[in-house]
Structures are given as C-alpha cells and as structure tokens.
C-alpha cells in the first residue's frame, strides 16, 4: 500500500455548474455550524426529547417519567439542546418548562420525521 495521497486526476466536465455552485457556497464556518446542528440530533435520547417537545411543552420531571430516565440525564440532554438553540425554557414559579426553540426547529424536525417515515 502506498503512503501517497490519491488525488482525483479528472478534468472538470461542467465548469459552469462548478462556478455557479462555488459562487453560492457558504463559508466554512456556516457549514461547520450546520454540521454541529445535525450532530446534536444524532443522539436518540435527544431525538426522543425533541419528539416529546414537538408534541407539548414539558418540564424535566415529566420528560424523565415519559422517557424512563433520571432528571439528571434529561437535564444534561436539555443543556445540549439549549446550547444548540434547539429548545428554549421558561419559568413558571418553581417549574421550568421546555419547548422547541421556534418554528424553524419544528419544521426541520418534522421534515426529518416525514422523510424517514416515507
């Protein structure tokens, strides 16, 4: 096996297409952020939480019962989802309620479910 990198030696076939896509290609920072966004959804527990919050605003205790997990484990996953701006929280007295961050998050999540269900 060779230690050399294999490099594509093909010539561009559709230069106009390449140029058009290159002009609209976002910068690497945006693409890395998009990749991180999808990584957060790469955990089945977080997806279960997202599913629940897509149905209803819920508190940590109720999520823990629903998913048969500890409050600590749910809180940890909610922190990750909040860091990624996928969920938001609101306080009512001593209880903190969680919901999906906005309609964009809801749309992406529901489109993903729709795609997998086909």
C-alpha atoms as a PDB file:
ATOM      1  CA  UNK A   1       0.000   0.000   0.000  1.00  0.00           C
ATOM      2  CA  UNK A   2       1.297   3.417  -0.922  1.00  0.00           C
ATOM      3  CA  UNK A   3       1.802   6.270   1.552  1.00  0.00           C
ATOM      4  CA  UNK A   4       0.981   8.805  -1.117  1.00  0.00           C
ATOM      5  CA  UNK A   5      -2.385  10.522  -1.181  1.00  0.00           C
ATOM      6  CA  UNK A   6      -4.564   9.627  -4.089  1.00  0.00           C
ATOM      7  CA  UNK A   7      -5.662  12.722  -5.941  1.00  0.00           C
ATOM      8  CA  UNK A   8      -8.506  12.897  -8.369  1.00  0.00           C
ATOM      9  CA  UNK A   9      -6.992  13.361 -11.790  1.00  0.00           C
ATOM     10  CA  UNK A  10     -10.225  14.012 -13.639  1.00  0.00           C
ATOM     11  CA  UNK A  11     -10.892  17.210 -15.527  1.00  0.00           C
ATOM     12  CA  UNK A  12     -13.906  19.351 -14.869  1.00  0.00           C
ATOM     13  CA  UNK A  13     -16.755  18.384 -17.153  1.00  0.00           C
ATOM     14  CA  UNK A  14     -19.274  21.121 -16.353  1.00  0.00           C
ATOM     15  CA  UNK A  15     -17.269  24.228 -15.481  1.00  0.00           C
ATOM     16  CA  UNK A  16     -20.349  26.488 -15.473  1.00  0.00           C
ATOM     17  CA  UNK A  17     -22.016  24.297 -12.870  1.00  0.00           C
ATOM     18  CA  UNK A  18     -18.898  24.243 -10.731  1.00  0.00           C
ATOM     19  CA  UNK A  19     -18.583  28.034 -10.942  1.00  0.00           C
ATOM     20  CA  UNK A  20     -22.272  28.577 -10.138  1.00  0.00           C
ATOM     21  CA  UNK A  21     -22.144  26.331  -7.065  1.00  0.00           C
ATOM     22  CA  UNK A  22     -18.831  27.832  -5.934  1.00  0.00           C
ATOM     23  CA  UNK A  23     -20.387  31.336  -6.010  1.00  0.00           C
ATOM     24  CA  UNK A  24     -23.234  30.286  -3.716  1.00  0.00           C
ATOM     25  CA  UNK A  25     -21.215  28.031  -1.409  1.00  0.00           C
ATOM     26  CA  UNK A  26     -21.357  29.423   2.152  1.00  0.00           C
ATOM     27  CA  UNK A  27     -18.181  29.905   4.129  1.00  0.00           C
ATOM     28  CA  UNK A  28     -16.735  27.052   6.161  1.00  0.00           C
ATOM     29  CA  UNK A  29     -17.933  28.500   9.475  1.00  0.00           C
ATOM     30  CA  UNK A  30     -21.562  28.248   8.453  1.00  0.00           C
ATOM     31  CA  UNK A  31     -21.078  24.715   7.144  1.00  0.00           C
ATOM     32  CA  UNK A  32     -19.326  23.630  10.362  1.00  0.00           C
ATOM     33  CA  UNK A  33     -22.198  25.104  12.383  1.00  0.00           C
ATOM     34  CA  UNK A  34     -24.679  23.228  10.211  1.00  0.00           C
ATOM     35  CA  UNK A  35     -22.726  20.032  10.773  1.00  0.00           C
ATOM     36  CA  UNK A  36     -22.818  20.614  14.545  1.00  0.00           C
ATOM     37  CA  UNK A  37     -26.566  21.231  14.334  1.00  0.00           C
ATOM     38  CA  UNK A  38     -27.100  17.803  12.812  1.00  0.00           C
ATOM     39  CA  UNK A  39     -24.643  16.155  15.224  1.00  0.00           C
ATOM     40  CA  UNK A  40     -26.801  17.286  18.140  1.00  0.00           C
ATOM     41  CA  UNK A  41     -29.704  15.443  16.552  1.00  0.00           C
ATOM     42  CA  UNK A  42     -27.508  12.359  16.181  1.00  0.00           C
ATOM     43  CA  UNK A  43     -28.356  11.165  19.702  1.00  0.00           C
ATOM     44  CA  UNK A  44     -31.503   9.043  20.147  1.00  0.00           C
ATOM     45  CA  UNK A  45     -32.245  10.441  23.624  1.00  0.00           C
ATOM     46  CA  UNK A  46     -32.158  13.993  22.324  1.00  0.00           C
ATOM     47  CA  UNK A  47     -34.398  12.966  19.423  1.00  0.00           C
ATOM     48  CA  UNK A  48     -36.880  11.461  21.905  1.00  0.00           C
ATOM     49  CA  UNK A  49     -36.871  14.723  23.852  1.00  0.00           C
ATOM     50  CA  UNK A  50     -37.364  16.672  20.637  1.00  0.00           C
ATOM     51  CA  UNK A  51     -40.276  14.386  19.728  1.00  0.00           C
ATOM     52  CA  UNK A  52     -41.904  14.993  23.099  1.00  0.00           C
ATOM     53  CA  UNK A  53     -41.369  18.752  22.899  1.00  0.00           C
ATOM     54  CA  UNK A  54     -42.747  18.796  19.366  1.00  0.00           C
ATOM     55  CA  UNK A  55     -45.985  17.492  20.897  1.00  0.00           C
ATOM     56  CA  UNK A  56     -46.094  19.621  24.025  1.00  0.00           C
ATOM     57  CA  UNK A  57     -44.164  21.946  26.291  1.00  0.00           C
ATOM     58  CA  UNK A  58     -42.871  19.831  29.202  1.00  0.00           C
ATOM     59  CA  UNK A  59     -40.857  20.069  32.398  1.00  0.00           C
ATOM     60  CA  UNK A  60     -37.820  17.941  33.285  1.00  0.00           C
ATOM     61  CA  UNK A  61     -39.779  15.741  35.694  1.00  0.00           C
ATOM     62  CA  UNK A  62     -42.427  14.894  33.110  1.00  0.00           C
ATOM     63  CA  UNK A  63     -39.797  14.204  30.443  1.00  0.00           C
ATOM     64  CA  UNK A  64     -37.946  11.933  32.883  1.00  0.00           C
ATOM     65  CA  UNK A  65     -41.109   9.906  33.561  1.00  0.00           C
ATOM     66  CA  UNK A  66     -42.039   9.764  29.883  1.00  0.00           C
ATOM     67  CA  UNK A  67     -38.604   8.529  28.821  1.00  0.00           C
ATOM     68  CA  UNK A  68     -37.940   6.414  31.922  1.00  0.00           C
ATOM     69  CA  UNK A  69     -34.748   8.326  32.698  1.00  0.00           C
ATOM     70  CA  UNK A  70     -33.358  10.310  35.601  1.00  0.00           C
ATOM     71  CA  UNK A  71     -33.973  14.031  35.892  1.00  0.00           C
ATOM     72  CA  UNK A  72     -30.202  14.487  35.803  1.00  0.00           C
ATOM     73  CA  UNK A  73     -29.885  12.657  32.484  1.00  0.00           C
ATOM     74  CA  UNK A  74     -32.753  14.659  30.984  1.00  0.00           C
ATOM     75  CA  UNK A  75     -31.259  17.926  32.253  1.00  0.00           C
ATOM     76  CA  UNK A  76     -27.912  17.054  30.681  1.00  0.00           C
ATOM     77  CA  UNK A  77     -29.524  16.412  27.298  1.00  0.00           C
ATOM     78  CA  UNK A  78     -31.629  19.566  27.548  1.00  0.00           C
ATOM     79  CA  UNK A  79     -28.441  21.580  28.166  1.00  0.00           C
ATOM     80  CA  UNK A  80     -27.028  20.227  24.916  1.00  0.00           C
ATOM     81  CA  UNK A  81     -30.230  21.051  23.062  1.00  0.00           C
ATOM     82  CA  UNK A  82     -30.307  24.565  24.529  1.00  0.00           C
ATOM     83  CA  UNK A  83     -26.647  25.113  23.580  1.00  0.00           C
ATOM     84  CA  UNK A  84     -27.573  24.253  20.016  1.00  0.00           C
ATOM     85  CA  UNK A  85     -30.567  26.643  20.181  1.00  0.00           C
ATOM     86  CA  UNK A  86     -32.985  23.791  19.522  1.00  0.00           C
ATOM     87  CA  UNK A  87     -35.003  24.192  22.726  1.00  0.00           C
ATOM     88  CA  UNK A  88     -35.912  27.100  24.961  1.00  0.00           C
ATOM     89  CA  UNK A  89     -37.112  27.319  28.532  1.00  0.00           C
ATOM     90  CA  UNK A  90     -39.492  29.430  30.542  1.00  0.00           C
ATOM     91  CA  UNK A  91     -40.013  29.542  34.278  1.00  0.00           C
ATOM     92  CA  UNK A  92     -43.412  29.427  35.944  1.00  0.00           C
ATOM     93  CA  UNK A  93     -42.872  29.613  39.708  1.00  0.00           C
ATOM     94  CA  UNK A  94     -40.508  26.795  40.619  1.00  0.00           C
ATOM     95  CA  UNK A  95     -41.143  24.822  37.448  1.00  0.00           C
ATOM     96  CA  UNK A  96     -39.126  25.270  34.243  1.00  0.00           C
ATOM     97  CA  UNK A  97     -40.903  24.312  31.054  1.00  0.00           C
ATOM     98  CA  UNK A  98     -39.106  23.395  27.846  1.00  0.00           C
ATOM     99  CA  UNK A  99     -40.290  23.671  24.270  1.00  0.00           C
ATOM    100  CA  UNK A 100     -38.815  23.681  20.791  1.00  0.00           C
ATOM    101  CA  UNK A 101     -36.953  26.925  20.176  1.00  0.00           C
ATOM    102  CA  UNK A 102     -39.005  28.122  17.209  1.00  0.00           C
ATOM    103  CA  UNK A 103     -40.962  27.128  14.132  1.00  0.00           C
ATOM    104  CA  UNK A 104     -37.761  26.592  12.123  1.00  0.00           C
ATOM    105  CA  UNK A 105     -36.636  23.881  14.547  1.00  0.00           C
ATOM    106  CA  UNK A 106     -40.121  22.348  14.465  1.00  0.00           C
ATOM    107  CA  UNK A 107     -40.098  22.373  10.643  1.00  0.00           C
ATOM    108  CA  UNK A 108     -36.655  20.746  10.368  1.00  0.00           C
ATOM    109  CA  UNK A 109     -37.571  18.096  12.935  1.00  0.00           C
ATOM    110  CA  UNK A 110     -40.953  17.312  11.376  1.00  0.00           C
ATOM    111  CA  UNK A 111     -39.460  17.209   7.859  1.00  0.00           C
ATOM    112  CA  UNK A 112     -36.879  14.714   9.139  1.00  0.00           C
ATOM    113  CA  UNK A 113     -39.628  12.543  10.619  1.00  0.00           C
ATOM    114  CA  UNK A 114     -41.597  12.809   7.381  1.00  0.00           C
ATOM    115  CA  UNK A 115     -38.566  11.813   5.323  1.00  0.00           C
ATOM    116  CA  UNK A 116     -37.795   8.768   7.494  1.00  0.00           C
ATOM    117  CA  UNK A 117     -41.471   7.707   7.503  1.00  0.00           C
ATOM    118  CA  UNK A 118     -41.692   7.529   3.694  1.00  0.00           C
END
